[in-house]
Structure formats: structure tokens, C-alpha cells
N, C-alpha and C. Protein backbone atom coordinates (compact mmCIF):
# COMPACT_ATOMS: atom_id res chain seq x y z
N UNK A 1 108.67 80.07 -11.18
CA UNK A 1 108.16 81.40 -10.91
C UNK A 1 106.66 81.46 -11.15
N UNK A 2 106.21 80.75 -12.19
CA UNK A 2 104.77 80.75 -12.47
C UNK A 2 103.99 80.08 -11.35
N UNK A 3 104.58 79.03 -10.74
CA UNK A 3 103.88 78.36 -9.64
C UNK A 3 103.71 79.31 -8.46
N UNK A 4 104.77 80.06 -8.15
CA UNK A 4 104.70 81.01 -7.04
C UNK A 4 103.66 82.08 -7.31
N UNK A 5 103.63 82.60 -8.54
CA UNK A 5 102.64 83.61 -8.89
C UNK A 5 101.23 83.05 -8.83
N UNK A 6 101.06 81.82 -9.32
CA UNK A 6 99.74 81.19 -9.29
C UNK A 6 99.28 80.96 -7.86
N UNK A 7 100.16 80.48 -7.02
CA UNK A 7 99.80 80.23 -5.61
C UNK A 7 99.48 81.55 -4.91
N UNK A 8 100.25 82.60 -5.19
CA UNK A 8 100.01 83.89 -4.58
C UNK A 8 98.67 84.46 -5.00
N UNK A 9 98.37 84.36 -6.28
CA UNK A 9 97.09 84.88 -6.77
C UNK A 9 95.92 84.07 -6.20
N UNK A 10 96.08 82.76 -6.12
CA UNK A 10 95.03 81.92 -5.54
C UNK A 10 94.80 82.27 -4.08
N UNK A 11 95.87 82.50 -3.35
CA UNK A 11 95.76 82.87 -1.94
C UNK A 11 95.06 84.23 -1.80
N UNK A 12 95.40 85.17 -2.68
CA UNK A 12 94.76 86.48 -2.63
C UNK A 12 93.27 86.38 -2.92
N UNK A 13 92.89 85.52 -3.88
CA UNK A 13 91.47 85.34 -4.20
C UNK A 13 90.73 84.69 -3.03
N UNK A 14 91.36 83.71 -2.41
CA UNK A 14 90.72 83.04 -1.27
C UNK A 14 90.52 84.02 -0.12
N UNK A 15 91.54 84.81 0.17
CA UNK A 15 91.42 85.78 1.26
C UNK A 15 90.37 86.84 0.93
N UNK A 16 90.38 87.30 -0.31
CA UNK A 16 89.37 88.28 -0.72
C UNK A 16 87.96 87.74 -0.64
N UNK A 17 87.78 86.48 -1.04
CA UNK A 17 86.45 85.86 -0.97
C UNK A 17 86.02 85.66 0.48
N UNK A 18 86.97 85.24 1.33
CA UNK A 18 86.60 85.04 2.73
C UNK A 18 86.28 86.37 3.40
N UNK A 19 86.98 87.43 3.00
CA UNK A 19 86.68 88.74 3.55
C UNK A 19 85.27 89.18 3.15
N UNK A 20 84.90 88.91 1.89
CA UNK A 20 83.55 89.25 1.44
C UNK A 20 82.48 88.48 2.19
N UNK A 21 82.74 87.21 2.43
CA UNK A 21 81.77 86.39 3.16
C UNK A 21 81.65 86.87 4.60
N UNK A 22 82.77 87.21 5.21
CA UNK A 22 82.75 87.67 6.59
C UNK A 22 82.02 89.01 6.70
N UNK A 23 82.25 89.90 5.72
CA UNK A 23 81.59 91.19 5.76
C UNK A 23 80.08 91.05 5.55
N UNK A 24 79.65 90.01 4.84
CA UNK A 24 78.23 89.81 4.59
C UNK A 24 77.53 89.12 5.75
N UNK A 25 78.30 88.58 6.68
CA UNK A 25 77.71 87.86 7.80
C UNK A 25 76.94 88.82 8.70
N UNK A 26 75.85 88.32 9.24
CA UNK A 26 75.04 89.13 10.14
C UNK A 26 75.48 88.88 11.58
N UNK A 27 75.10 89.78 12.43
CA UNK A 27 75.37 89.59 13.85
C UNK A 27 76.71 90.15 14.29
N UNK A 28 77.27 91.10 13.57
CA UNK A 28 78.52 91.72 13.98
C UNK A 28 78.26 92.56 15.23
N UNK A 29 79.23 92.66 16.12
CA UNK A 29 79.03 93.43 17.33
C UNK A 29 78.75 94.91 17.01
N UNK A 30 77.90 95.54 17.82
CA UNK A 30 77.51 96.92 17.58
C UNK A 30 78.66 97.88 17.88
N UNK A 31 79.57 97.51 18.76
CA UNK A 31 80.64 98.41 19.18
C UNK A 31 81.79 98.53 18.20
N UNK A 32 81.89 97.64 17.24
CA UNK A 32 83.03 97.70 16.32
C UNK A 32 83.01 96.52 15.36
N UNK A 33 84.18 96.20 14.88
CA UNK A 33 84.31 95.12 13.92
C UNK A 33 84.40 93.77 14.62
N UNK A 34 83.94 92.76 13.94
CA UNK A 34 84.04 91.40 14.42
C UNK A 34 85.52 90.98 14.44
N UNK A 35 85.95 90.16 15.39
CA UNK A 35 87.36 89.75 15.43
C UNK A 35 87.81 89.02 14.17
N UNK A 36 86.92 88.30 13.52
CA UNK A 36 87.29 87.61 12.28
C UNK A 36 87.56 88.63 11.18
N UNK A 37 86.75 89.68 11.15
CA UNK A 37 86.96 90.74 10.16
C UNK A 37 88.28 91.45 10.43
N UNK A 38 88.60 91.69 11.69
CA UNK A 38 89.88 92.31 12.03
C UNK A 38 91.04 91.45 11.58
N UNK A 39 90.92 90.14 11.77
CA UNK A 39 91.99 89.23 11.35
C UNK A 39 92.14 89.24 9.83
N UNK A 40 91.03 89.26 9.11
CA UNK A 40 91.08 89.31 7.64
C UNK A 40 91.70 90.61 7.16
N UNK A 41 91.38 91.71 7.81
CA UNK A 41 91.96 92.99 7.42
C UNK A 41 93.47 92.99 7.67
N UNK A 42 93.89 92.45 8.80
CA UNK A 42 95.32 92.40 9.11
C UNK A 42 96.07 91.52 8.12
N UNK A 43 95.50 90.38 7.77
CA UNK A 43 96.12 89.48 6.80
C UNK A 43 96.18 90.14 5.42
N UNK A 44 95.09 90.80 5.03
CA UNK A 44 95.06 91.46 3.72
C UNK A 44 96.08 92.59 3.65
N UNK A 45 96.22 93.36 4.73
CA UNK A 45 97.20 94.45 4.74
C UNK A 45 98.62 93.91 4.64
N UNK A 46 98.92 92.88 5.39
CA UNK A 46 100.27 92.30 5.34
C UNK A 46 100.59 91.65 4.02
N UNK A 47 99.66 90.86 3.51
CA UNK A 47 99.90 90.19 2.23
C UNK A 47 99.96 91.18 1.08
N UNK A 48 99.11 92.18 1.11
CA UNK A 48 99.12 93.18 0.04
C UNK A 48 100.45 93.91 -0.04
N UNK A 49 100.97 94.30 1.10
CA UNK A 49 102.25 95.00 1.12
C UNK A 49 103.39 94.07 0.72
N UNK A 50 103.33 92.83 1.18
CA UNK A 50 104.38 91.87 0.82
C UNK A 50 104.40 91.57 -0.67
N UNK A 51 103.23 91.38 -1.26
CA UNK A 51 103.16 91.10 -2.69
C UNK A 51 103.62 92.32 -3.49
N UNK A 52 103.24 93.51 -3.06
CA UNK A 52 103.66 94.73 -3.76
C UNK A 52 105.18 94.90 -3.68
N UNK A 53 105.75 94.65 -2.51
CA UNK A 53 107.20 94.78 -2.37
C UNK A 53 107.93 93.74 -3.22
N UNK A 54 107.40 92.53 -3.26
CA UNK A 54 108.01 91.48 -4.09
C UNK A 54 107.94 91.85 -5.56
N UNK A 55 106.79 92.29 -6.02
CA UNK A 55 106.65 92.68 -7.42
C UNK A 55 107.51 93.88 -7.77
N UNK A 56 107.59 94.85 -6.87
CA UNK A 56 108.43 96.02 -7.11
C UNK A 56 109.91 95.65 -7.18
N UNK A 57 110.34 94.76 -6.30
CA UNK A 57 111.74 94.35 -6.30
C UNK A 57 112.09 93.59 -7.58
N UNK A 58 111.19 92.73 -8.02
CA UNK A 58 111.44 92.00 -9.27
C UNK A 58 111.47 92.96 -10.45
N UNK A 59 110.53 93.89 -10.50
CA UNK A 59 110.49 94.86 -11.58
C UNK A 59 111.72 95.76 -11.61
N UNK A 60 112.14 96.21 -10.44
CA UNK A 60 113.32 97.06 -10.40
C UNK A 60 114.58 96.29 -10.78
N UNK A 61 114.66 95.05 -10.37
CA UNK A 61 115.82 94.24 -10.74
C UNK A 61 115.90 94.03 -12.24
N UNK A 62 114.75 93.75 -12.86
CA UNK A 62 114.74 93.57 -14.31
C UNK A 62 115.06 94.86 -15.04
N UNK A 63 114.56 95.99 -14.55
CA UNK A 63 114.82 97.28 -15.19
C UNK A 63 116.30 97.63 -15.11
N UNK A 64 116.90 97.43 -13.96
CA UNK A 64 118.32 97.74 -13.80
C UNK A 64 119.17 96.79 -14.64
N UNK A 65 118.81 95.51 -14.65
CA UNK A 65 119.58 94.56 -15.46
C UNK A 65 119.52 94.91 -16.94
N UNK A 66 118.35 95.29 -17.42
CA UNK A 66 118.21 95.66 -18.83
C UNK A 66 119.00 96.93 -19.15
N UNK A 67 118.94 97.90 -18.25
CA UNK A 67 119.68 99.14 -18.48
C UNK A 67 121.18 98.90 -18.48
N UNK A 68 121.66 98.11 -17.56
CA UNK A 68 123.09 97.83 -17.52
C UNK A 68 123.53 97.01 -18.72
N UNK A 69 122.67 96.12 -19.18
CA UNK A 69 122.97 95.36 -20.39
C UNK A 69 123.07 96.29 -21.60
N UNK A 70 122.16 97.24 -21.70
CA UNK A 70 122.20 98.21 -22.78
C UNK A 70 123.43 99.10 -22.72
N UNK A 71 123.82 99.51 -21.52
CA UNK A 71 125.01 100.33 -21.36
C UNK A 71 126.26 99.51 -21.69
N UNK A 72 126.25 98.23 -21.32
CA UNK A 72 127.39 97.37 -21.64
C UNK A 72 127.55 97.18 -23.14
N UNK A 73 126.46 97.13 -23.86
CA UNK A 73 126.53 96.96 -25.31
C UNK A 73 126.91 98.27 -26.01
N UNK A 74 126.46 99.39 -25.47
CA UNK A 74 126.74 100.68 -26.09
C UNK A 74 127.03 101.71 -24.99
N UNK A 75 128.28 101.81 -24.54
CA UNK A 75 128.61 102.73 -23.45
C UNK A 75 128.34 104.19 -23.77
N UNK A 76 128.30 104.55 -25.03
CA UNK A 76 128.05 105.93 -25.40
C UNK A 76 126.63 106.37 -25.13
N UNK A 77 125.72 105.43 -24.99
CA UNK A 77 124.30 105.75 -24.78
C UNK A 77 123.92 105.74 -23.30
N UNK A 78 124.91 105.76 -22.43
CA UNK A 78 124.59 105.65 -21.00
C UNK A 78 123.76 106.83 -20.50
N UNK A 79 124.00 108.01 -21.04
CA UNK A 79 123.22 109.18 -20.63
C UNK A 79 121.76 109.08 -21.04
N UNK A 80 121.53 108.52 -22.23
CA UNK A 80 120.16 108.39 -22.72
C UNK A 80 119.43 107.22 -22.07
N UNK A 81 120.17 106.29 -21.50
CA UNK A 81 119.54 105.13 -20.86
C UNK A 81 119.25 105.42 -19.39
N UNK A 82 120.14 106.16 -18.73
CA UNK A 82 120.02 106.38 -17.28
C UNK A 82 118.75 107.15 -16.89
N UNK A 83 118.44 108.20 -17.62
CA UNK A 83 117.29 109.04 -17.24
C UNK A 83 115.97 108.26 -17.30
N UNK A 84 115.65 107.56 -18.39
CA UNK A 84 114.41 106.78 -18.38
C UNK A 84 114.41 105.65 -17.36
N UNK A 85 115.61 105.07 -17.09
CA UNK A 85 115.69 104.00 -16.10
C UNK A 85 115.33 104.54 -14.71
N UNK A 86 115.90 105.67 -14.34
CA UNK A 86 115.63 106.24 -13.02
C UNK A 86 114.17 106.66 -12.91
N UNK A 87 113.62 107.20 -14.00
CA UNK A 87 112.21 107.56 -14.01
C UNK A 87 111.32 106.32 -13.85
N UNK A 88 111.67 105.25 -14.53
CA UNK A 88 110.92 103.99 -14.39
C UNK A 88 111.03 103.41 -13.00
N UNK A 89 112.21 103.48 -12.40
CA UNK A 89 112.38 102.99 -11.03
C UNK A 89 111.54 103.80 -10.05
N UNK A 90 111.45 105.10 -10.28
CA UNK A 90 110.61 105.94 -9.41
C UNK A 90 109.14 105.57 -9.55
N UNK A 91 108.71 105.27 -10.77
CA UNK A 91 107.31 104.85 -10.97
C UNK A 91 107.02 103.52 -10.28
N UNK A 92 107.96 102.58 -10.39
CA UNK A 92 107.78 101.28 -9.73
C UNK A 92 107.72 101.48 -8.22
N UNK A 93 108.61 102.30 -7.68
CA UNK A 93 108.63 102.52 -6.24
C UNK A 93 107.37 103.23 -5.77
N UNK A 94 106.81 104.11 -6.61
CA UNK A 94 105.58 104.79 -6.20
C UNK A 94 104.42 103.81 -6.06
N UNK A 95 104.39 102.78 -6.89
CA UNK A 95 103.34 101.78 -6.76
C UNK A 95 103.46 101.03 -5.43
N UNK A 96 104.68 100.74 -5.01
CA UNK A 96 104.88 100.08 -3.72
C UNK A 96 104.47 101.01 -2.58
N UNK A 97 104.76 102.30 -2.71
CA UNK A 97 104.36 103.26 -1.67
C UNK A 97 102.84 103.39 -1.61
N UNK A 98 102.17 103.36 -2.77
CA UNK A 98 100.70 103.37 -2.78
C UNK A 98 100.16 102.14 -2.04
N UNK A 99 100.79 101.01 -2.24
CA UNK A 99 100.36 99.80 -1.53
C UNK A 99 100.58 99.96 -0.02
N UNK A 100 101.67 100.60 0.36
CA UNK A 100 101.91 100.85 1.78
C UNK A 100 100.82 101.74 2.36
N UNK A 101 100.42 102.77 1.62
CA UNK A 101 99.37 103.67 2.10
C UNK A 101 98.05 102.90 2.27
N UNK A 102 97.71 102.07 1.30
CA UNK A 102 96.47 101.29 1.40
C UNK A 102 96.54 100.32 2.56
N UNK A 103 97.70 99.68 2.75
CA UNK A 103 97.85 98.75 3.88
C UNK A 103 97.74 99.48 5.21
N UNK A 104 98.32 100.67 5.30
CA UNK A 104 98.20 101.43 6.55
C UNK A 104 96.76 101.87 6.79
N UNK A 105 96.05 102.26 5.74
CA UNK A 105 94.65 102.61 5.91
C UNK A 105 93.84 101.42 6.40
N UNK A 106 94.10 100.26 5.84
CA UNK A 106 93.42 99.05 6.31
C UNK A 106 93.78 98.74 7.75
N UNK A 107 95.07 98.88 8.08
CA UNK A 107 95.52 98.55 9.43
C UNK A 107 94.92 99.49 10.47
N UNK A 108 94.86 100.79 10.15
CA UNK A 108 94.32 101.74 11.11
C UNK A 108 92.81 101.70 11.17
N UNK A 109 92.19 100.94 10.28
CA UNK A 109 90.74 100.73 10.37
C UNK A 109 90.41 99.82 11.56
N UNK A 110 91.40 99.04 11.97
CA UNK A 110 91.20 98.15 13.10
C UNK A 110 91.00 98.99 14.33
């Protein structure tokens, strides 16, 4: 899992650095964005949403597993465990939705 996270972070840094270099390049067309910049924006939007969905799914899976483990150990506390779990799941999902909004803003910039 650490290798996947390391590779993902390295890829994000490389894409971010290449986007910065492309944006600093001179000679962009006057009518709009350079095709390389458009490609970088599209890749960044897709990767950003994919990484956010992956992280959200992992976080939600761990939260649900922990809650069910707690309920299995103490069934009487299920009411006190369910409410914070659902609230936490909503917070995790909101982060993924924020990533979707940012990706759509990047995509419609094209």
C-alpha cells in the first residue's frame, strides 16, 4: 500500500511540476490555451478525482469496519456508534464531492 501511495504522490508531483513549467512557457496562442496546457489540465482533473475517490473509498471502508467491529464487541452501544459513523461518512464523502467540483472547474476551463 505504501508503494502505491508513494507512486501516486510522485506522479502528482511530476504532473504538477510539468503543469507549472508549461504555464511559465512563453509563446502561448493568443486565442486560448496551449494544447499541452489543455492536456495537463485534463490529466490533472482526472487524476485528482480518481485519487480523491480512492482515498474516500478507503477511508469509508475503514470507518465502517471499525464501527461494525465496535458494535460486534458491544451491541448495546450501536446507537452511540451509528450517529458519529454516519456523520464521519458524510464528511468523507463531502471531500470527494469537493474534488469533483474542482475537477469540473478545471475541465470546463478547457
